[in-house]
């Protein structure tokens, strides 16, 4: 499949939001409601809502976080200096 590179960010955000919202909503609906005859309708409703939130988060948060990360200075922990053998 060949897709124009300008769509890379939006496709990445879509796939991340799709997979993460799928997984998290499934687990949380399972924990909170259990497996009953209403599980699938509840899960699909909650998943659709979670996906919308996750998509906007996956699209906009990395940009903000990259700006924040650019302001942080990371340093290497100095290693122990060993004395040279004679």
N, C-alpha and C. Protein backbone atom coordinates (compact mmCIF):
# COMPACT_ATOMS: atom_id res chain seq x y z
N UNK A 1 0.84 -1.17 0.00
CA UNK A 1 0.00 0.00 0.00
C UNK A 1 0.89 1.23 0.00
N UNK A 2 0.60 2.16 -0.89
CA UNK A 2 1.39 3.38 -0.98
C UNK A 2 0.49 4.57 -0.67
N UNK A 3 0.89 5.37 0.31
CA UNK A 3 0.12 6.53 0.74
C UNK A 3 1.08 7.72 0.82
N UNK A 4 0.58 8.87 0.44
CA UNK A 4 1.36 10.09 0.48
C UNK A 4 1.88 10.33 1.90
N UNK A 5 3.14 10.72 2.01
CA UNK A 5 3.80 10.91 3.31
C UNK A 5 3.14 12.00 4.15
N UNK A 6 2.42 12.93 3.51
CA UNK A 6 1.80 14.00 4.29
C UNK A 6 0.69 13.48 5.21
N UNK A 7 0.21 12.26 4.97
CA UNK A 7 -0.83 11.67 5.80
C UNK A 7 -0.27 10.80 6.93
N UNK A 8 1.03 10.75 7.07
CA UNK A 8 1.66 9.87 8.05
C UNK A 8 1.19 10.16 9.48
N UNK A 9 1.16 11.42 9.88
CA UNK A 9 0.78 11.80 11.25
C UNK A 9 -0.65 11.41 11.55
N UNK A 10 -1.54 11.69 10.64
CA UNK A 10 -2.96 11.42 10.90
C UNK A 10 -3.24 9.92 10.88
N UNK A 11 -2.57 9.17 10.03
CA UNK A 11 -2.76 7.72 10.01
C UNK A 11 -2.20 7.09 11.28
N UNK A 12 -1.03 7.58 11.71
CA UNK A 12 -0.46 7.09 12.96
C UNK A 12 -1.40 7.37 14.13
N UNK A 13 -1.93 8.59 14.22
CA UNK A 13 -2.84 8.95 15.30
C UNK A 13 -4.10 8.07 15.25
N UNK A 14 -4.62 7.84 14.05
CA UNK A 14 -5.81 7.00 13.90
C UNK A 14 -5.55 5.58 14.40
N UNK A 15 -4.45 4.99 13.97
CA UNK A 15 -4.15 3.61 14.36
C UNK A 15 -3.86 3.48 15.85
N UNK A 16 -3.15 4.44 16.40
CA UNK A 16 -2.88 4.42 17.84
C UNK A 16 -4.18 4.57 18.63
N UNK A 17 -5.01 5.52 18.25
CA UNK A 17 -6.28 5.74 18.95
C UNK A 17 -7.19 4.52 18.82
N UNK A 18 -7.23 3.94 17.63
CA UNK A 18 -8.07 2.77 17.40
C UNK A 18 -7.66 1.62 18.31
N UNK A 19 -6.38 1.30 18.31
CA UNK A 19 -5.92 0.13 19.07
C UNK A 19 -5.97 0.36 20.57
N UNK A 20 -5.56 1.52 21.03
CA UNK A 20 -5.54 1.78 22.47
C UNK A 20 -6.96 1.90 23.02
N UNK A 21 -7.83 2.61 22.31
CA UNK A 21 -9.21 2.74 22.80
C UNK A 21 -9.93 1.39 22.77
N UNK A 22 -9.64 0.57 21.77
CA UNK A 22 -10.21 -0.78 21.69
C UNK A 22 -9.82 -1.59 22.93
N UNK A 23 -8.54 -1.62 23.22
CA UNK A 23 -8.02 -2.41 24.32
C UNK A 23 -8.50 -1.91 25.68
N UNK A 24 -8.33 -0.63 25.94
CA UNK A 24 -8.68 -0.08 27.26
C UNK A 24 -10.18 -0.14 27.50
N UNK A 25 -10.99 0.21 26.51
CA UNK A 25 -12.44 0.17 26.72
C UNK A 25 -12.92 -1.26 26.95
N UNK A 26 -12.34 -2.22 26.24
CA UNK A 26 -12.73 -3.62 26.44
C UNK A 26 -12.43 -4.07 27.86
N UNK A 27 -11.24 -3.76 28.33
CA UNK A 27 -10.85 -4.17 29.69
C UNK A 27 -11.72 -3.49 30.74
N UNK A 28 -11.94 -2.18 30.60
CA UNK A 28 -12.72 -1.46 31.61
C UNK A 28 -14.19 -1.85 31.61
N UNK A 29 -14.77 -2.08 30.45
CA UNK A 29 -16.17 -2.53 30.41
C UNK A 29 -16.26 -3.94 31.00
N UNK A 30 -15.28 -4.78 30.73
CA UNK A 30 -15.27 -6.12 31.31
C UNK A 30 -15.23 -6.07 32.84
N UNK A 31 -14.38 -5.21 33.36
CA UNK A 31 -14.23 -5.09 34.81
C UNK A 31 -15.49 -4.50 35.45
N UNK A 32 -16.02 -3.44 34.84
CA UNK A 32 -17.13 -2.72 35.46
C UNK A 32 -18.50 -3.36 35.25
N UNK A 33 -18.71 -4.03 34.13
CA UNK A 33 -20.04 -4.57 33.84
C UNK A 33 -20.06 -6.09 33.74
N UNK A 34 -18.91 -6.72 33.57
CA UNK A 34 -18.88 -8.17 33.41
C UNK A 34 -19.39 -8.57 32.04
N UNK A 35 -19.40 -9.87 31.80
CA UNK A 35 -19.85 -10.38 30.51
C UNK A 35 -21.31 -10.79 30.63
N UNK A 36 -22.18 -10.00 30.04
CA UNK A 36 -23.60 -10.30 30.04
C UNK A 36 -24.13 -10.06 28.63
N UNK A 37 -25.43 -10.16 28.48
CA UNK A 37 -26.03 -9.94 27.17
C UNK A 37 -25.90 -8.47 26.74
N UNK A 38 -25.67 -7.57 27.68
CA UNK A 38 -25.53 -6.15 27.37
C UNK A 38 -24.08 -5.73 27.15
N UNK A 39 -23.16 -6.68 27.27
CA UNK A 39 -21.75 -6.34 27.16
C UNK A 39 -21.41 -5.70 25.82
N UNK A 40 -21.75 -6.34 24.72
CA UNK A 40 -21.37 -5.85 23.40
C UNK A 40 -21.95 -4.47 23.10
N UNK A 41 -23.26 -4.23 23.31
CA UNK A 41 -23.77 -2.87 23.05
C UNK A 41 -23.11 -1.80 23.92
N UNK A 42 -22.90 -2.12 25.20
CA UNK A 42 -22.25 -1.14 26.09
C UNK A 42 -20.82 -0.88 25.64
N UNK A 43 -20.11 -1.95 25.33
CA UNK A 43 -18.72 -1.79 24.93
C UNK A 43 -18.60 -0.99 23.63
N UNK A 44 -19.42 -1.28 22.65
CA UNK A 44 -19.35 -0.54 21.38
C UNK A 44 -19.67 0.93 21.56
N UNK A 45 -20.62 1.23 22.43
CA UNK A 45 -20.94 2.65 22.69
C UNK A 45 -19.77 3.34 23.38
N UNK A 46 -19.23 2.71 24.40
CA UNK A 46 -18.12 3.30 25.14
C UNK A 46 -16.87 3.38 24.26
N UNK A 47 -16.63 2.36 23.45
CA UNK A 47 -15.48 2.37 22.56
C UNK A 47 -15.56 3.51 21.56
N UNK A 48 -16.73 3.75 20.99
CA UNK A 48 -16.86 4.84 20.02
C UNK A 48 -16.56 6.19 20.68
N UNK A 49 -17.01 6.37 21.90
CA UNK A 49 -16.72 7.61 22.62
C UNK A 49 -15.24 7.71 22.97
N UNK A 50 -14.68 6.60 23.41
CA UNK A 50 -13.26 6.58 23.78
C UNK A 50 -12.38 6.82 22.56
N UNK A 51 -12.77 6.28 21.41
CA UNK A 51 -11.98 6.46 20.20
C UNK A 51 -11.91 7.93 19.81
N UNK A 52 -13.01 8.64 19.88
CA UNK A 52 -13.01 10.06 19.53
C UNK A 52 -12.05 10.83 20.42
N UNK A 53 -12.11 10.58 21.72
CA UNK A 53 -11.20 11.25 22.65
C UNK A 53 -9.75 10.85 22.39
N UNK A 54 -9.53 9.56 22.18
CA UNK A 54 -8.17 9.06 21.97
C UNK A 54 -7.57 9.59 20.67
N UNK A 55 -8.38 9.74 19.63
CA UNK A 55 -7.87 10.24 18.36
C UNK A 55 -7.34 11.67 18.50
N UNK A 56 -8.13 12.53 19.12
CA UNK A 56 -7.66 13.90 19.29
C UNK A 56 -6.44 13.96 20.20
N UNK A 57 -6.42 13.12 21.23
CA UNK A 57 -5.25 13.06 22.10
C UNK A 57 -4.02 12.56 21.38
N UNK A 58 -4.18 11.51 20.58
CA UNK A 58 -3.04 10.94 19.84
C UNK A 58 -2.54 11.88 18.76
N UNK A 59 -3.39 12.75 18.28
CA UNK A 59 -2.99 13.69 17.22
C UNK A 59 -2.31 14.94 17.79
N UNK A 60 -2.86 15.48 18.88
CA UNK A 60 -2.35 16.76 19.40
C UNK A 60 -1.32 16.62 20.52
N UNK A 61 -1.45 15.64 21.40
CA UNK A 61 -0.53 15.53 22.53
C UNK A 61 0.93 15.36 22.13
N UNK A 62 1.26 14.53 21.12
CA UNK A 62 2.68 14.40 20.78
C UNK A 62 3.34 15.72 20.41
N UNK A 63 2.62 16.61 19.77
CA UNK A 63 3.19 17.92 19.41
C UNK A 63 3.53 18.73 20.65
N UNK A 64 2.62 18.74 21.60
CA UNK A 64 2.84 19.49 22.85
C UNK A 64 3.97 18.84 23.64
N UNK A 65 3.95 17.53 23.72
CA UNK A 65 4.96 16.82 24.50
C UNK A 65 6.35 17.00 23.89
N UNK A 66 6.44 17.02 22.55
CA UNK A 66 7.74 17.26 21.89
C UNK A 66 8.28 18.64 22.25
N UNK A 67 7.42 19.64 22.33
CA UNK A 67 7.86 20.98 22.72
C UNK A 67 8.39 20.98 24.16
N UNK A 68 7.68 20.30 25.03
CA UNK A 68 8.11 20.21 26.43
C UNK A 68 9.45 19.47 26.51
N UNK A 69 9.56 18.35 25.78
CA UNK A 69 10.80 17.57 25.80
C UNK A 69 11.98 18.37 25.26
N UNK A 70 11.71 19.28 24.33
CA UNK A 70 12.78 20.10 23.79
C UNK A 70 13.36 21.07 24.81
N UNK A 71 12.61 21.37 25.86
CA UNK A 71 13.07 22.30 26.89
C UNK A 71 13.79 21.60 28.03
N UNK A 72 13.76 20.29 28.04
CA UNK A 72 14.42 19.52 29.10
C UNK A 72 15.84 19.18 28.66
N UNK A 73 16.77 19.38 29.56
CA UNK A 73 18.16 19.04 29.29
C UNK A 73 18.44 17.69 29.95
N UNK A 74 18.77 16.72 29.15
CA UNK A 74 19.08 15.39 29.65
C UNK A 74 20.59 15.25 29.77
N UNK A 75 21.01 14.65 30.88
CA UNK A 75 22.44 14.45 31.10
C UNK A 75 22.69 12.97 31.36
N UNK A 76 23.88 12.57 31.05
CA UNK A 76 24.31 11.20 31.32
C UNK A 76 24.80 11.13 32.76
N UNK A 77 24.47 10.04 33.43
CA UNK A 77 24.98 9.84 34.78
C UNK A 77 26.47 9.51 34.65
N UNK A 78 27.30 10.24 35.40
CA UNK A 78 28.73 9.95 35.30
C UNK A 78 29.03 8.54 35.81
N UNK A 79 29.87 7.86 35.08
CA UNK A 79 30.24 6.51 35.49
C UNK A 79 31.36 6.61 36.53
N UNK A 80 31.52 5.53 37.28
CA UNK A 80 32.59 5.50 38.27
C UNK A 80 33.93 5.51 37.55
N UNK A 81 34.79 6.36 38.03
CA UNK A 81 36.12 6.44 37.42
C UNK A 81 37.00 5.42 38.14
N UNK A 82 37.55 4.54 37.38
CA UNK A 82 38.44 3.55 37.99
C UNK A 82 39.88 3.99 37.80
N UNK A 83 40.66 3.65 38.79
CA UNK A 83 42.08 4.00 38.72
C UNK A 83 42.76 3.05 37.73
N UNK A 84 43.61 3.58 36.89
CA UNK A 84 44.32 2.69 35.96
C UNK A 84 45.30 1.78 36.72
N UNK A 85 45.44 0.61 36.25
CA UNK A 85 46.38 -0.33 36.87
C UNK A 85 47.80 0.06 36.49
N UNK A 86 48.74 -0.13 37.44
CA UNK A 86 50.14 0.25 37.14
C UNK A 86 50.80 -0.69 36.18
